[in-house]
C-alpha cells in the first residue's frame, strides 16, 4: 500500500464524514481562531494606543 500524505488522508476522512458535522466543526474552529485573533489584536492595539499617548504627553 502506497504511503498517503497526512493531508490527503485527512481530506478523505473529512469527505467520508457526515457533511453537516464537518461544517459545524469548521465553523467552530474558525470562530475559535477569530476570537483568539481579536483578543490578540485588541491587546496589541491597546498597547499601541497607550504607548502613543505616553509618547505624546510625556514631554
N, C-alpha and C. Protein backbone atom coordinates (compact mmCIF):
# COMPACT_ATOMS: atom_id res chain seq x y z
N UNK A 1 0.85 -1.21 0.00
CA UNK A 1 0.00 0.00 0.00
C UNK A 1 0.88 1.25 0.00
N UNK A 2 0.66 2.15 -0.96
CA UNK A 2 1.48 3.37 -1.01
C UNK A 2 1.20 4.29 0.17
N UNK A 3 2.20 5.03 0.57
CA UNK A 3 2.04 5.93 1.72
C UNK A 3 1.24 7.16 1.30
N UNK A 4 0.18 7.43 2.04
CA UNK A 4 -0.65 8.60 1.73
C UNK A 4 -0.19 9.75 2.61
N UNK A 5 0.05 10.92 2.04
CA UNK A 5 0.41 12.06 2.87
C UNK A 5 -0.70 12.37 3.87
N UNK A 6 -0.31 12.89 5.01
CA UNK A 6 -1.26 13.12 6.10
C UNK A 6 -2.43 13.98 5.66
N UNK A 7 -2.17 15.05 4.91
CA UNK A 7 -3.24 15.97 4.50
C UNK A 7 -4.24 15.25 3.61
N UNK A 8 -3.75 14.46 2.67
CA UNK A 8 -4.64 13.73 1.76
C UNK A 8 -5.52 12.76 2.56
N UNK A 9 -4.90 12.09 3.53
CA UNK A 9 -5.64 11.15 4.36
C UNK A 9 -6.74 11.89 5.11
N UNK A 10 -6.39 13.05 5.66
CA UNK A 10 -7.35 13.82 6.44
C UNK A 10 -8.52 14.27 5.58
N UNK A 11 -8.23 14.73 4.37
CA UNK A 11 -9.29 15.18 3.46
C UNK A 11 -10.23 14.03 3.14
N UNK A 12 -9.68 12.84 2.89
CA UNK A 12 -10.51 11.67 2.59
C UNK A 12 -11.44 11.37 3.75
N UNK A 13 -10.92 11.39 4.95
CA UNK A 13 -11.73 11.13 6.14
C UNK A 13 -12.83 12.17 6.23
N UNK A 14 -12.48 13.45 6.02
CA UNK A 14 -13.47 14.53 6.08
C UNK A 14 -14.58 14.33 5.07
N UNK A 15 -14.22 13.92 3.86
CA UNK A 15 -15.21 13.72 2.80
C UNK A 15 -16.14 12.57 3.17
N UNK A 16 -15.59 11.54 3.78
CA UNK A 16 -16.40 10.38 4.14
C UNK A 16 -17.32 10.68 5.33
N UNK A 17 -16.95 11.67 6.14
CA UNK A 17 -17.77 12.02 7.31
C UNK A 17 -19.07 12.67 6.88
N UNK A 18 -19.99 12.76 7.82
CA UNK A 18 -21.25 13.46 7.58
C UNK A 18 -20.94 14.93 7.31
N UNK A 19 -21.52 15.46 6.23
CA UNK A 19 -21.18 16.82 5.78
C UNK A 19 -21.54 17.85 6.85
N UNK A 20 -22.69 17.68 7.50
CA UNK A 20 -23.14 18.67 8.48
C UNK A 20 -22.20 18.77 9.67
N UNK A 21 -21.79 17.62 10.22
CA UNK A 21 -20.89 17.67 11.37
C UNK A 21 -19.58 18.30 10.95
N UNK A 22 -19.16 18.01 9.73
CA UNK A 22 -17.91 18.57 9.23
C UNK A 22 -18.01 20.09 9.14
N UNK A 23 -19.14 20.57 8.64
CA UNK A 23 -19.35 22.02 8.52
C UNK A 23 -19.32 22.66 9.90
N UNK A 24 -20.03 22.05 10.86
CA UNK A 24 -20.06 22.58 12.23
C UNK A 24 -18.66 22.66 12.79
N UNK A 25 -17.88 21.62 12.55
CA UNK A 25 -16.51 21.56 13.03
C UNK A 25 -15.71 22.74 12.49
N UNK A 26 -15.83 22.97 11.19
CA UNK A 26 -15.08 24.07 10.55
C UNK A 26 -15.51 25.40 11.16
N UNK A 27 -16.83 25.58 11.32
CA UNK A 27 -17.35 26.84 11.87
C UNK A 27 -16.79 27.05 13.28
N UNK A 28 -16.81 26.00 14.09
CA UNK A 28 -16.30 26.11 15.46
C UNK A 28 -14.83 26.49 15.47
N UNK A 29 -14.05 25.83 14.63
CA UNK A 29 -12.62 26.10 14.58
C UNK A 29 -12.40 27.55 14.15
N UNK A 30 -13.11 27.97 13.10
CA UNK A 30 -12.97 29.34 12.59
C UNK A 30 -13.31 30.33 13.67
N UNK A 31 -14.41 30.08 14.39
CA UNK A 31 -14.87 31.01 15.43
C UNK A 31 -13.81 31.12 16.51
N UNK A 32 -13.26 29.97 16.91
CA UNK A 32 -12.26 29.95 17.96
C UNK A 32 -11.03 30.75 17.53
N UNK A 33 -10.61 30.55 16.28
CA UNK A 33 -9.43 31.25 15.77
C UNK A 33 -9.71 32.75 15.71
N UNK A 34 -10.90 33.11 15.25
CA UNK A 34 -11.28 34.51 15.15
C UNK A 34 -11.23 35.18 16.53
N UNK A 35 -11.82 34.51 17.53
CA UNK A 35 -11.84 35.06 18.88
C UNK A 35 -10.42 35.29 19.36
N UNK A 36 -9.56 34.29 19.15
CA UNK A 36 -8.17 34.39 19.57
C UNK A 36 -7.52 35.59 18.90
N UNK A 37 -7.73 35.72 17.58
CA UNK A 37 -7.14 36.83 16.82
C UNK A 37 -7.62 38.17 17.36
N UNK A 38 -8.92 38.26 17.63
CA UNK A 38 -9.49 39.51 18.10
C UNK A 38 -8.87 39.91 19.44
N UNK A 39 -8.73 38.93 20.33
CA UNK A 39 -8.15 39.20 21.64
C UNK A 39 -6.73 39.70 21.48
N UNK A 40 -5.95 39.00 20.66
CA UNK A 40 -4.55 39.38 20.45
C UNK A 40 -4.49 40.77 19.85
N UNK A 41 -5.31 41.02 18.83
CA UNK A 41 -5.28 42.31 18.14
C UNK A 41 -5.62 43.43 19.10
N UNK A 42 -6.67 43.24 19.92
CA UNK A 42 -7.09 44.31 20.83
C UNK A 42 -5.98 44.59 21.84
N UNK A 43 -5.30 43.54 22.31
CA UNK A 43 -4.20 43.73 23.24
C UNK A 43 -3.10 44.56 22.60
N UNK A 44 -2.75 44.20 21.37
CA UNK A 44 -1.69 44.92 20.66
C UNK A 44 -2.13 46.37 20.45
N UNK A 45 -3.37 46.54 20.05
CA UNK A 45 -3.91 47.86 19.74
C UNK A 45 -3.90 48.74 20.99
N UNK A 46 -4.38 48.18 22.11
CA UNK A 46 -4.39 48.92 23.37
C UNK A 46 -2.98 49.35 23.74
N UNK A 47 -2.05 48.41 23.62
CA UNK A 47 -0.66 48.70 23.93
C UNK A 47 -0.13 49.83 23.07
N UNK A 48 -0.49 49.78 21.79
CA UNK A 48 -0.02 50.79 20.84
C UNK A 48 -0.59 52.16 21.23
N UNK A 49 -1.87 52.21 21.55
CA UNK A 49 -2.51 53.48 21.91
C UNK A 49 -1.86 54.03 23.18
N UNK A 50 -1.70 53.16 24.18
CA UNK A 50 -1.06 53.58 25.44
C UNK A 50 0.32 54.14 25.16
N UNK A 51 1.06 53.43 24.34
CA UNK A 51 2.43 53.85 24.01
C UNK A 51 2.43 55.22 23.33
N UNK A 52 1.49 55.40 22.39
CA UNK A 52 1.40 56.67 21.66
C UNK A 52 1.06 57.81 22.61
N UNK A 53 0.12 57.57 23.52
CA UNK A 53 -0.29 58.61 24.47
C UNK A 53 0.89 59.00 25.35
N UNK A 54 1.60 57.99 25.85
CA UNK A 54 2.74 58.27 26.71
C UNK A 54 3.76 59.11 25.97
N UNK A 55 3.99 58.76 24.72
CA UNK A 55 4.97 59.48 23.92
C UNK A 55 4.53 60.92 23.71
N UNK A 56 3.22 61.11 23.42
CA UNK A 56 2.71 62.46 23.13
C UNK A 56 2.77 63.35 24.37
N UNK A 57 2.38 62.79 25.52
CA UNK A 57 2.18 63.64 26.69
C UNK A 57 3.31 63.56 27.70
N UNK A 58 4.37 62.85 27.36
CA UNK A 58 5.43 62.68 28.36
C UNK A 58 6.31 63.93 28.41
N UNK A 59 6.43 64.65 27.29
CA UNK A 59 7.35 65.78 27.35
C UNK A 59 6.72 66.99 26.73
